[in-house]
Amino acid sequence: MGQETRIFLFSLSALVVLYTMNNVPAFQEPVVILEIGIAVLIAVFLLVYIAVRWNPPKDPLFYVFAEFCFTCIIDLTSALEYDGLVSGFMEFYQKTGEPYLGTPYAIMMCYWDGVAHFIMYLTMVRRMSQRKPYRSLGIFWAGSLVANMTVFVTGIVIGKYGSEIRPAFWLNMPFLLVPVWGAVVLFKRQQELLPVGAFKVERAQKQSLIWRPLDLLLVLCLLAAMGFTLFRGFVTLGCPLEVCATYIDQYEPYLKDPVGYPKVMMLFMMFYATPLLGAFIYGLRTPGCSWMLDWTVFFAGAMSQCQWCHIGASLHPRTEQAYHIPAAAWHAVLLLNMMYVVVPLALSLRCARNPAFFLSPAAPGHSNHEKKVN
């Protein structure tokens, strides 16, 4: 039995913990929930550590992935219970734990964590056990979880649930800080590339942008994405221009939802995604920008998570009807939002599949080590 299978089976014990807490009133007090949450996180780490003590993994991220697999089951259960697909596990937490988990954004966030992140964790654990590289997938995960928790925690504080913060709120802090540390660890590791000859690198870097039609198309798409990012940021800030008022009323009224998450996301994109999009345009025009190989993956992970939550929440039945996408604009808004996530994904794939243009002059020399692509 592989390590990923053991972790999968162990993660299911989260259901036992939730069921027990849901049926023991003494475990349902706000402070007690925080104490039990901390105790469970420590206990899970210790159990994983003891289970692998005879053959301890050299990679510290193994323990992070094993721990977070356990919490993925909790998040998935929360989303399923709010949507009425299961019952009897999270009623206590909905009342005295974190009531904002019932918002459409948080429900979609929990689905992403319980499915997408869970699959990533098990895949990365499997690759660790097989001594195969997982760095690119790890950077994608870090981007996804950093964006996830940054928007989630900030939205709680400034949204309508800011006055209902309870002790269990602090259980989110490890999931905000640990992926930042994980991103730093992964970025410091050596890139895993296919062998690229010096001649191929030189030839690729001599081509101007006009002779690279795919890159030219990506530049145009990135410029459009920058414009869309800035526009929605202005809309969220209440820009008095008629076009902004028309957009928020007739296309994406979800941006007005008082829960705070859509506003936080649009502002984060405006102030952080816009500079990155501009940097990527520079990287597509300038040879030797090796940082493109990592940052495009990180950004693709962040955008995938954000757009999943944003699109899903704007369509979710728990969102008030006044904030749903109007029927007349449904296709246009969905197309815009889907293209908004397709562009960074396409860019990251382009960089990974044909990295010659982005390699520094020293990189071809390192290609003799015959590394594999993630």
Protein backbone atom coordinates (compact mmCIF):
# COMPACT_ATOMS: atom_id res chain seq x y z
CA MET A 1 0.00 0.00 0.00
CA GLY A 2 1.48 3.33 -1.07
CA GLN A 3 1.88 6.30 1.24
CA GLU A 4 -0.77 8.27 -0.62
CA THR A 5 -3.30 5.46 -0.03
CA ARG A 6 -2.50 5.38 3.68
CA ILE A 7 -2.89 9.14 3.92
CA PHE A 8 -6.18 8.97 2.02
CA LEU A 9 -7.57 6.38 4.41
CA PHE A 10 -6.25 8.21 7.46
CA SER A 11 -7.85 11.47 6.25
CA LEU A 12 -11.27 9.83 6.40
CA SER A 13 -10.92 9.72 10.19
CA ALA A 14 -11.79 13.44 10.07
CA LEU A 15 -15.40 12.32 9.65
CA VAL A 16 -15.21 10.52 13.01
CA VAL A 17 -13.90 13.67 14.71
CA LEU A 18 -16.64 15.82 13.17
CA TYR A 19 -19.40 13.34 14.01
CA THR A 20 -18.22 13.09 17.62
CA MET A 21 -18.07 16.86 18.07
CA ASN A 22 -21.47 17.28 16.43
CA ASN A 23 -23.04 14.92 18.98
CA VAL A 24 -21.27 16.00 22.19
CA PRO A 25 -22.58 19.40 23.38
CA ALA A 26 -19.52 19.98 25.57
CA PHE A 27 -17.37 20.11 22.41
CA GLN A 28 -19.46 22.83 20.78
CA GLU A 29 -18.49 25.91 22.77
CA PRO A 30 -16.52 28.48 20.68
CA VAL A 31 -13.34 28.33 22.78
CA VAL A 32 -13.52 24.55 23.05
CA ILE A 33 -13.77 24.28 19.25
CA LEU A 34 -10.53 26.26 18.93
CA GLU A 35 -8.81 24.10 21.55
CA ILE A 36 -9.94 20.86 19.95
CA GLY A 37 -8.96 22.16 16.51
CA ILE A 38 -5.42 22.91 17.68
CA ALA A 39 -5.21 19.57 19.50
CA VAL A 40 -6.38 17.68 16.40
CA LEU A 41 -3.84 19.43 14.14
CA ILE A 42 -1.05 18.54 16.57
CA ALA A 43 -2.32 14.96 16.97
CA VAL A 44 -2.51 14.44 13.20
CA PHE A 45 1.07 15.65 12.80
CA LEU A 46 2.31 13.37 15.58
CA LEU A 47 0.49 10.34 14.19
CA VAL A 48 1.92 10.92 10.73
CA TYR A 49 5.39 11.45 12.21
CA ILE A 50 5.17 8.20 14.21
CA ALA A 51 3.81 6.27 11.23
CA VAL A 52 6.85 7.11 9.06
CA ARG A 53 9.52 7.13 11.79
CA TRP A 54 11.21 3.98 10.42
CA ASN A 55 11.57 5.55 7.01
CA PRO A 56 11.17 9.30 7.51
CA PRO A 57 10.76 11.41 4.37
CA LYS A 58 13.55 13.86 3.69
CA ASP A 59 11.13 16.46 2.37
CA PRO A 60 9.42 18.44 5.18
CA LEU A 61 6.53 19.26 2.86
CA PHE A 62 5.43 15.63 3.21
CA TYR A 63 4.09 16.41 6.67
CA VAL A 64 2.31 19.51 5.38
CA PHE A 65 0.56 17.57 2.62
CA ALA A 66 -0.41 14.76 4.98
CA GLU A 67 -1.82 17.23 7.53
CA PHE A 68 -3.71 19.24 4.95
CA CYS A 69 -5.25 16.08 3.45
CA PHE A 70 -7.01 15.62 6.79
CA THR A 71 -8.43 19.14 6.69
CA CYS A 72 -9.50 18.71 3.05
CA ILE A 73 -12.04 16.13 4.19
CA ILE A 74 -13.37 18.63 6.75
CA ASP A 75 -13.74 21.32 4.08
CA LEU A 76 -15.45 18.97 1.64
CA THR A 77 -17.85 17.82 4.35
CA SER A 78 -18.63 21.45 5.21
CA ALA A 79 -19.48 22.29 1.58
CA LEU A 80 -21.59 19.17 1.14
CA GLU A 81 -23.52 19.82 4.34
CA TYR A 82 -24.25 23.43 3.44
CA ASP A 83 -25.54 22.26 0.07
CA GLY A 84 -27.75 19.68 1.79
CA LEU A 85 -25.98 16.62 0.36
CA VAL A 86 -24.91 15.22 3.74
CA SER A 87 -25.95 15.94 7.33
CA GLY A 88 -24.97 15.24 10.91
CA PHE A 89 -21.32 16.34 10.77
CA MET A 90 -21.00 20.15 10.74
CA GLU A 91 -24.17 21.59 12.28
CA PHE A 92 -22.32 22.64 15.42
CA TYR A 93 -19.60 24.37 13.41
CA GLN A 94 -22.13 26.27 11.35
CA LYS A 95 -23.58 27.76 14.53
CA THR A 96 -20.64 28.30 16.89
CA GLY A 97 -17.55 27.80 14.75
CA GLU A 98 -17.27 29.80 11.52
CA PRO A 99 -20.70 30.96 10.28
CA TYR A 100 -19.17 32.61 7.19
CA LEU A 101 -18.42 29.14 5.80
CA GLY A 102 -22.04 29.17 4.68
CA THR A 103 -21.42 31.96 2.17
CA PRO A 104 -21.40 30.84 -1.47
CA TYR A 105 -17.77 31.92 -1.87
CA ALA A 106 -16.66 29.85 1.13
CA ILE A 107 -18.68 26.85 -0.06
CA MET A 108 -16.98 26.94 -3.46
CA MET A 109 -13.62 27.46 -1.71
CA CYS A 110 -14.25 24.33 0.39
CA TYR A 111 -15.13 22.31 -2.71
CA TRP A 112 -11.85 23.41 -4.32
CA ASP A 113 -9.89 22.49 -1.21
CA GLY A 114 -11.71 19.20 -0.70
CA VAL A 115 -11.29 18.05 -4.30
CA ALA A 116 -8.56 19.96 -6.19
CA HIS A 117 -6.11 20.44 -3.33
CA PHE A 118 -6.79 16.93 -2.03
CA ILE A 119 -5.85 15.42 -5.39
CA MET A 120 -2.74 17.63 -5.53
CA TYR A 121 -1.62 16.50 -2.05
CA LEU A 122 -2.05 12.81 -2.83
CA THR A 123 -0.29 13.21 -6.19
CA MET A 124 2.65 15.03 -4.63
CA VAL A 125 2.95 12.45 -1.82
CA ARG A 126 2.94 9.69 -4.43
CA ARG A 127 5.66 11.41 -6.44
CA MET A 128 7.72 11.88 -3.28
CA SER A 129 7.49 8.18 -2.47
CA GLN A 130 8.52 7.32 -6.03
CA ARG A 131 11.35 9.88 -5.87
CA LYS A 132 9.89 11.78 -8.80
CA PRO A 133 9.85 15.58 -9.10
CA TYR A 134 6.74 17.52 -8.11
CA ARG A 135 8.09 21.07 -7.93
CA SER A 136 5.82 22.57 -10.62
CA LEU A 137 2.70 21.02 -9.12
CA GLY A 138 3.85 22.22 -5.72
CA ILE A 139 4.23 25.80 -6.96
CA PHE A 140 0.77 25.61 -8.56
CA TRP A 141 -0.63 24.41 -5.19
CA ALA A 142 1.17 27.20 -3.31
CA GLY A 143 -0.28 29.84 -5.63
CA SER A 144 -3.73 28.35 -5.28
CA LEU A 145 -3.72 28.15 -1.47
CA VAL A 146 -2.05 31.53 -0.93
CA ALA A 147 -4.73 33.21 -3.07
CA ASN A 148 -7.42 31.12 -1.40
CA MET A 149 -6.56 32.06 2.16
CA THR A 150 -5.57 35.67 1.46
CA VAL A 151 -8.98 36.48 -0.01
CA PHE A 152 -10.83 34.33 2.53
CA VAL A 153 -9.24 35.77 5.69
CA THR A 154 -9.36 39.38 4.45
CA GLY A 155 -12.97 38.96 3.32
CA ILE A 156 -13.98 37.71 6.76
CA VAL A 157 -12.48 40.74 8.47
CA ILE A 158 -13.86 43.48 6.20
CA GLY A 159 -17.15 41.84 5.10
CA LYS A 160 -20.47 41.62 6.87
CA TYR A 161 -19.17 38.76 9.06
CA GLY A 162 -16.42 40.94 10.53
CA SER A 163 -18.50 41.40 13.67
CA GLU A 164 -19.04 37.65 14.06
CA ILE A 165 -15.42 36.49 14.30
CA ARG A 166 -15.15 33.69 16.83
CA PRO A 167 -12.16 31.81 18.27
CA ALA A 168 -12.23 29.18 15.49
CA PHE A 169 -11.22 31.95 13.07
CA TRP A 170 -7.62 31.54 14.26
CA LEU A 171 -7.54 27.98 12.93
CA ASN A 172 -7.14 29.58 9.48
CA MET A 173 -3.75 31.05 10.29
CA PRO A 174 -1.65 27.90 9.59
CA PHE A 175 -3.33 27.61 6.19
CA LEU A 176 -2.44 31.22 5.43
CA LEU A 177 1.20 31.09 6.58
CA VAL A 178 2.30 27.53 5.71
CA PRO A 179 1.73 27.83 1.93
CA VAL A 180 3.80 31.02 1.93
CA TRP A 181 6.64 29.07 3.55
CA GLY A 182 6.03 26.19 1.13
CA ALA A 183 6.24 28.57 -1.84
CA VAL A 184 9.58 29.93 -0.59
CA VAL A 185 10.92 26.38 -0.16
CA LEU A 186 9.81 25.30 -3.63
CA PHE A 187 11.06 28.44 -5.39
CA LYS A 188 14.51 27.91 -3.88
CA ARG A 189 14.79 24.41 -5.33
CA GLN A 190 16.46 23.86 -8.67
CA GLN A 191 14.16 23.95 -11.68
CA GLU A 192 13.44 20.62 -13.30
CA LEU A 193 13.85 21.02 -17.04
CA LEU A 194 14.30 18.85 -20.08
CA PRO A 195 17.79 19.05 -21.60
CA VAL A 196 17.96 22.13 -23.83
CA GLY A 197 20.94 22.60 -26.11
CA ALA A 198 22.80 25.89 -26.32
CA PHE A 199 22.05 26.16 -30.04
CA LYS A 200 18.29 25.83 -29.47
CA VAL A 201 18.39 28.48 -26.74
CA GLU A 202 20.39 30.86 -28.93
CA ARG A 203 18.09 30.37 -31.90
CA ALA A 204 14.92 30.87 -29.80
CA GLN A 205 16.24 34.04 -28.20
CA LYS A 206 17.16 35.62 -31.51
CA GLN A 207 13.55 35.54 -32.71
CA SER A 208 11.67 38.77 -32.23
CA LEU A 209 8.12 38.72 -30.91
CA ILE A 210 6.62 39.28 -34.36
CA TRP A 211 8.05 35.93 -35.51
CA ARG A 212 6.59 34.09 -32.51
CA PRO A 213 2.83 34.14 -33.25
CA LEU A 214 1.86 32.19 -30.11
CA ASP A 215 3.78 34.56 -27.87
CA LEU A 216 2.35 37.56 -29.74
CA LEU A 217 -1.17 36.21 -29.16
CA LEU A 218 -0.37 35.69 -25.47
CA VAL A 219 0.89 39.26 -25.17
CA LEU A 220 -2.37 40.56 -26.65
CA CYS A 221 -4.38 38.35 -24.29
CA LEU A 222 -2.32 39.54 -21.31
CA LEU A 223 -2.95 43.16 -22.29
CA ALA A 224 -6.68 42.41 -22.45
CA ALA A 225 -6.48 40.69 -19.05
CA MET A 226 -4.74 43.74 -17.58
CA GLY A 227 -7.49 45.98 -18.91
CA PHE A 228 -10.22 43.71 -17.53
CA THR A 229 -8.46 43.54 -14.15
CA LEU A 230 -8.17 47.31 -13.86
CA PHE A 231 -11.72 47.82 -15.06
CA ARG A 232 -13.23 45.49 -12.46
CA GLY A 233 -11.07 47.08 -9.81
CA PHE A 234 -12.48 50.51 -10.69
CA VAL A 235 -15.99 49.06 -10.71
CA THR A 236 -15.50 47.61 -7.25
CA LEU A 237 -14.17 50.93 -5.94
CA GLY A 238 -17.35 52.65 -7.10
CA CYS A 239 -16.02 54.52 -10.13
CA PRO A 240 -18.71 57.05 -11.20
CA LEU A 241 -18.22 56.44 -14.93
CA GLU A 242 -21.41 55.27 -16.62
CA VAL A 243 -19.74 52.19 -18.09
CA CYS A 244 -18.74 51.03 -14.58
CA ALA A 245 -22.24 51.56 -13.20
CA THR A 246 -23.72 49.70 -16.16
CA TYR A 247 -21.35 46.77 -15.72
CA ILE A 248 -22.01 46.25 -12.01
CA ASP A 249 -25.78 46.57 -12.46
CA GLN A 250 -26.32 44.65 -15.69
CA TYR A 251 -23.38 42.21 -15.88
CA GLU A 252 -21.76 41.34 -12.54
CA PRO A 253 -23.95 42.52 -9.66
CA TYR A 254 -22.22 39.88 -7.52
CA LEU A 255 -19.41 42.44 -7.11
CA LYS A 256 -21.82 44.32 -4.80
CA ASP A 257 -22.40 41.35 -2.50
CA PRO A 258 -21.84 42.60 1.09
CA VAL A 259 -20.05 39.40 2.14
CA GLY A 260 -16.87 41.17 1.05
CA TYR A 261 -15.16 38.37 -0.86
CA PRO A 262 -15.78 39.66 -4.42
CA LYS A 263 -14.58 43.15 -3.47
CA VAL A 264 -11.43 41.79 -1.82
CA MET A 265 -10.68 39.55 -4.79
CA MET A 266 -11.07 42.33 -7.35
CA LEU A 267 -8.83 44.66 -5.34
CA PHE A 268 -6.18 41.99 -4.83
CA MET A 269 -6.20 41.32 -8.56
CA MET A 270 -6.00 45.02 -9.32
CA PHE A 271 -2.98 45.65 -7.09
CA TYR A 272 -1.13 42.33 -7.43
CA ALA A 273 -2.27 40.58 -10.63
CA THR A 274 -1.93 43.67 -12.80
CA PRO A 275 1.82 44.13 -12.13
CA LEU A 276 2.39 40.41 -12.67
CA LEU A 277 0.55 40.47 -15.99
CA GLY A 278 2.74 43.38 -17.04
CA ALA A 279 5.85 41.48 -15.94
CA PHE A 280 4.77 38.48 -18.01
CA ILE A 281 4.47 40.69 -21.10
CA TYR A 282 8.01 41.85 -20.44
CA GLY A 283 9.13 38.24 -20.03
CA LEU A 284 7.63 37.26 -23.38
CA ARG A 285 9.52 40.08 -25.10
CA THR A 286 12.87 39.81 -23.31
CA PRO A 287 15.06 36.68 -23.63
CA GLY A 288 16.47 34.99 -20.54
CA CYS A 289 13.72 35.78 -18.00
CA SER A 290 14.02 32.42 -16.24
CA TRP A 291 11.70 33.57 -13.44
CA MET A 292 8.83 33.18 -15.93
CA LEU A 293 9.03 29.40 -15.60
CA ASP A 294 7.99 29.52 -11.93
CA TRP A 295 5.89 32.65 -11.57
CA THR A 296 3.55 31.76 -14.43
CA VAL A 297 2.78 28.46 -12.67
CA PHE A 298 2.24 30.20 -9.32
CA PHE A 299 -0.05 32.76 -10.95
CA ALA A 300 -1.98 30.07 -12.84
CA GLY A 301 -2.68 28.30 -9.54
CA ALA A 302 -3.86 31.52 -7.92
CA MET A 303 -6.13 32.47 -10.83
CA SER A 304 -7.62 28.99 -11.14
CA GLN A 305 -8.68 28.99 -7.49
CA CYS A 306 -9.94 32.57 -7.52
CA GLN A 307 -11.98 32.21 -10.67
CA TRP A 308 -13.48 28.90 -9.54
CA CYS A 309 -14.74 30.57 -6.37
CA HIS A 310 -15.82 33.78 -8.07
CA ILE A 311 -17.75 32.14 -10.92
CA GLY A 312 -19.20 29.44 -8.67
CA ALA A 313 -20.31 31.89 -5.98
CA SER A 314 -21.98 34.21 -8.49
CA LEU A 315 -24.07 31.25 -9.73
CA HIS A 316 -24.64 29.47 -6.41
CA PRO A 317 -28.29 29.23 -5.26
CA ARG A 318 -27.33 30.58 -1.81
CA THR A 319 -26.33 33.89 -3.40
CA GLU A 320 -29.18 36.38 -3.21
CA GLN A 321 -31.05 36.64 -6.50
CA ALA A 322 -30.24 40.35 -6.74
CA TYR A 323 -26.54 39.48 -7.07
CA HIS A 324 -26.90 36.72 -9.67
CA ILE A 325 -25.67 37.27 -13.21
CA PRO A 326 -28.65 38.62 -15.23
CA ALA A 327 -29.93 36.14 -17.80
CA ALA A 328 -29.27 38.52 -20.70
CA ALA A 329 -25.58 38.80 -19.78
CA TRP A 330 -25.02 35.24 -18.60
CA HIS A 331 -23.03 33.96 -21.58
CA ALA A 332 -20.92 37.10 -21.98
CA VAL A 333 -19.94 37.23 -18.29
CA LEU A 334 -19.10 33.53 -18.14
CA LEU A 335 -17.03 33.77 -21.33
CA LEU A 336 -15.07 36.74 -19.96
CA ASN A 337 -14.40 34.99 -16.65
CA MET A 338 -13.44 31.71 -18.31
CA MET A 339 -11.02 33.45 -20.65
CA TYR A 340 -9.58 35.27 -17.64
CA VAL A 341 -8.40 31.96 -16.20
CA VAL A 342 -7.53 30.28 -19.51
CA VAL A 343 -4.90 32.92 -20.36
CA PRO A 344 -2.60 32.33 -17.33
CA LEU A 345 -3.01 28.56 -17.71
CA ALA A 346 -2.05 28.75 -21.38
CA LEU A 347 0.92 30.97 -20.55
CA SER A 348 2.23 28.58 -17.89
CA LEU A 349 1.91 25.64 -20.30
CA ARG A 350 3.73 27.56 -23.02
CA CYS A 351 6.62 28.31 -20.67
CA ALA A 352 6.83 24.73 -19.41
CA ARG A 353 6.61 23.05 -22.83
CA ASN A 354 9.16 25.23 -24.61
CA PRO A 355 11.39 27.01 -22.06
CA ALA A 356 14.35 27.79 -24.38
CA PHE A 357 13.46 31.48 -24.79
CA PHE A 358 13.40 31.99 -21.01
CA LEU A 359 16.62 30.25 -20.05
CA SER A 360 19.60 32.27 -18.95
CA PRO A 361 22.87 31.77 -20.87
CA ALA A 362 24.12 29.43 -18.14
CA ALA A 363 21.07 27.19 -18.33
CA PRO A 364 22.10 25.16 -21.42
CA GLY A 365 25.21 24.06 -19.54
CA HIS A 366 23.05 22.70 -16.75
CA SER A 367 20.96 20.77 -19.25
CA ASN A 368 23.54 18.01 -19.29
CA HIS A 369 22.24 16.79 -15.96
CA GLU A 370 19.22 15.29 -17.74
CA LYS A 371 16.41 16.45 -15.48
CA LYS A 372 12.82 15.54 -16.02
CA VAL A 373 9.86 17.83 -16.47
CA ASN A 374 7.21 17.78 -13.72
